[in-house]
Amino acid sequence: LASDASPRRVVRLLRHGAALQLQPAAWLEGMLPQLHQQLPNLREGLPTVLEALHALRWQDHELVELLTEQGLIVTEDLDDD
């Protein structure tokens, strides 16, 4: 389902999985490699990803740090435009 997911699809899957309150152990472990792979391509979906991880009570400080860094990069890019 998500082995070659686009950044938009990764964001949607995370958002919908959190909204449906699916057990993270059943699906999130499979999504995290895709999230890491698509991280450089994420722009608009960053707040949604953070919201979904928060809703799932996912504890991964390294991932949150990477998402924060990506958010700073995106913000800098927007300031340059």
C-alpha atoms as a PDB file:
ATOM      1  CA  LEU A   1       0.000   0.000   0.000  1.00  0.00           C
ATOM      2  CA  ALA A   2       2.693   2.501   0.885  1.00  0.00           C
ATOM      3  CA  SER A   3       5.912   0.949  -0.382  1.00  0.00           C
ATOM      4  CA  ASP A   4       6.322   3.690  -2.991  1.00  0.00           C
ATOM      5  CA  ALA A   5       3.983   6.326  -1.593  1.00  0.00           C
ATOM      6  CA  SER A   6       4.289   9.936  -2.659  1.00  0.00           C
ATOM      7  CA  PRO A   7       4.736  12.619   0.012  1.00  0.00           C
ATOM      8  CA  ARG A   8       1.051  13.537  -0.292  1.00  0.00           C
ATOM      9  CA  ARG A   9      -0.029   9.908   0.143  1.00  0.00           C
ATOM     10  CA  VAL A  10       2.222   9.448   3.181  1.00  0.00           C
ATOM     11  CA  VAL A  11       0.630  12.506   4.790  1.00  0.00           C
ATOM     12  CA  ARG A  12      -2.875  11.273   3.973  1.00  0.00           C
ATOM     13  CA  LEU A  13      -2.219   7.797   5.354  1.00  0.00           C
ATOM     14  CA  LEU A  14      -0.838   9.221   8.583  1.00  0.00           C
ATOM     15  CA  ARG A  15      -3.730  11.658   8.940  1.00  0.00           C
ATOM     16  CA  HIS A  16      -6.419   9.063   8.245  1.00  0.00           C
ATOM     17  CA  GLY A  17      -4.769   6.376  10.373  1.00  0.00           C
ATOM     18  CA  ALA A  18      -4.708   8.777  13.311  1.00  0.00           C
ATOM     19  CA  ALA A  19      -8.289   9.951  12.666  1.00  0.00           C
ATOM     20  CA  LEU A  20      -9.529   6.362  12.579  1.00  0.00           C
ATOM     21  CA  GLN A  21      -7.590   5.666  15.772  1.00  0.00           C
ATOM     22  CA  LEU A  22      -5.966   2.589  14.273  1.00  0.00           C
ATOM     23  CA  GLN A  23      -3.527   0.815  16.551  1.00  0.00           C
ATOM     24  CA  PRO A  24      -0.101   2.268  15.665  1.00  0.00           C
ATOM     25  CA  ALA A  25       1.585  -1.113  16.053  1.00  0.00           C
ATOM     26  CA  ALA A  26      -0.552  -2.473  13.216  1.00  0.00           C
ATOM     27  CA  TRP A  27       0.435   0.045  10.566  1.00  0.00           C
ATOM     28  CA  LEU A  28       2.713   2.873  11.692  1.00  0.00           C
ATOM     29  CA  GLU A  29       5.909   0.823  11.739  1.00  0.00           C
ATOM     30  CA  GLY A  30       5.392   0.203   8.024  1.00  0.00           C
ATOM     31  CA  MET A  31       4.774   3.879   7.322  1.00  0.00           C
ATOM     32  CA  LEU A  32       7.768   5.307   9.150  1.00  0.00           C
ATOM     33  CA  PRO A  33      10.335   4.218   6.544  1.00  0.00           C
ATOM     34  CA  GLN A  34       8.204   5.917   3.876  1.00  0.00           C
ATOM     35  CA  LEU A  35       7.975   9.040   5.998  1.00  0.00           C
ATOM     36  CA  HIS A  36      11.758   9.112   6.399  1.00  0.00           C
ATOM     37  CA  GLN A  37      12.202   8.558   2.654  1.00  0.00           C
ATOM     38  CA  GLN A  38       9.792  11.363   1.732  1.00  0.00           C
ATOM     39  CA  LEU A  39      10.949  13.786   4.421  1.00  0.00           C
ATOM     40  CA  PRO A  40      13.016  15.977   2.041  1.00  0.00           C
ATOM     41  CA  ASN A  41       9.944  16.316  -0.206  1.00  0.00           C
ATOM     42  CA  LEU A  42       7.480  17.281   2.535  1.00  0.00           C
ATOM     43  CA  ARG A  43       6.413  20.894   2.541  1.00  0.00           C
ATOM     44  CA  GLU A  44       2.740  21.608   3.162  1.00  0.00           C
ATOM     45  CA  GLY A  45       2.147  18.327   4.980  1.00  0.00           C
ATOM     46  CA  LEU A  46       4.523  18.911   7.883  1.00  0.00           C
ATOM     47  CA  PRO A  47       1.903  20.258  10.331  1.00  0.00           C
ATOM     48  CA  THR A  48      -0.417  17.368   9.450  1.00  0.00           C
ATOM     49  CA  VAL A  49       2.314  14.805  10.087  1.00  0.00           C
ATOM     50  CA  LEU A  50       3.137  16.347  13.452  1.00  0.00           C
ATOM     51  CA  GLU A  51      -0.546  16.460  14.355  1.00  0.00           C
ATOM     52  CA  ALA A  52      -1.034  12.792  13.412  1.00  0.00           C
ATOM     53  CA  LEU A  53       2.005  11.659  15.408  1.00  0.00           C
ATOM     54  CA  HIS A  54       0.777  13.658  18.383  1.00  0.00           C
ATOM     55  CA  ALA A  55      -2.722  12.161  18.112  1.00  0.00           C
ATOM     56  CA  LEU A  56      -1.173   8.692  18.056  1.00  0.00           C
ATOM     57  CA  ARG A  57       0.970   9.557  21.090  1.00  0.00           C
ATOM     58  CA  TRP A  58       3.985   8.417  19.109  1.00  0.00           C
ATOM     59  CA  GLN A  59       7.230   8.929  21.013  1.00  0.00           C
ATOM     60  CA  ASP A  60      10.127   9.336  18.589  1.00  0.00           C
ATOM     61  CA  HIS A  61      12.257  12.319  19.494  1.00  0.00           C
ATOM     62  CA  GLU A  62      14.594  11.817  16.542  1.00  0.00           C
ATOM     63  CA  LEU A  63      11.691  11.909  14.077  1.00  0.00           C
ATOM     64  CA  VAL A  64      10.237  15.028  15.699  1.00  0.00           C
ATOM     65  CA  GLU A  65      13.663  16.671  15.460  1.00  0.00           C
ATOM     66  CA  LEU A  66      13.935  15.746  11.770  1.00  0.00           C
ATOM     67  CA  LEU A  67      10.452  17.107  11.088  1.00  0.00           C
ATOM     68  CA  THR A  68      11.332  20.317  12.936  1.00  0.00           C
ATOM     69  CA  GLU A  69      14.506  20.728  10.893  1.00  0.00           C
ATOM     70  CA  GLN A  70      12.557  20.141   7.682  1.00  0.00           C
ATOM     71  CA  GLY A  71      10.059  22.778   8.814  1.00  0.00           C
ATOM     72  CA  LEU A  72      12.873  25.267   9.345  1.00  0.00           C
ATOM     73  CA  ILE A  73      14.261  24.512   5.878  1.00  0.00           C
ATOM     74  CA  VAL A  74      10.846  24.992   4.295  1.00  0.00           C
ATOM     75  CA  THR A  75      10.363  28.254   6.209  1.00  0.00           C
ATOM     76  CA  GLU A  76      13.738  29.534   5.015  1.00  0.00           C
ATOM     77  CA  ASP A  77      12.832  28.611   1.438  1.00  0.00           C
ATOM     78  CA  LEU A  78       9.556  30.527   1.728  1.00  0.00           C
ATOM     79  CA  ASP A  79      11.368  33.570   3.128  1.00  0.00           C
ATOM     80  CA  ASP A  80      13.764  33.519   0.158  1.00  0.00           C
ATOM     81  CA  ASP A  81      10.873  33.655  -2.344  1.00  0.00           C
END
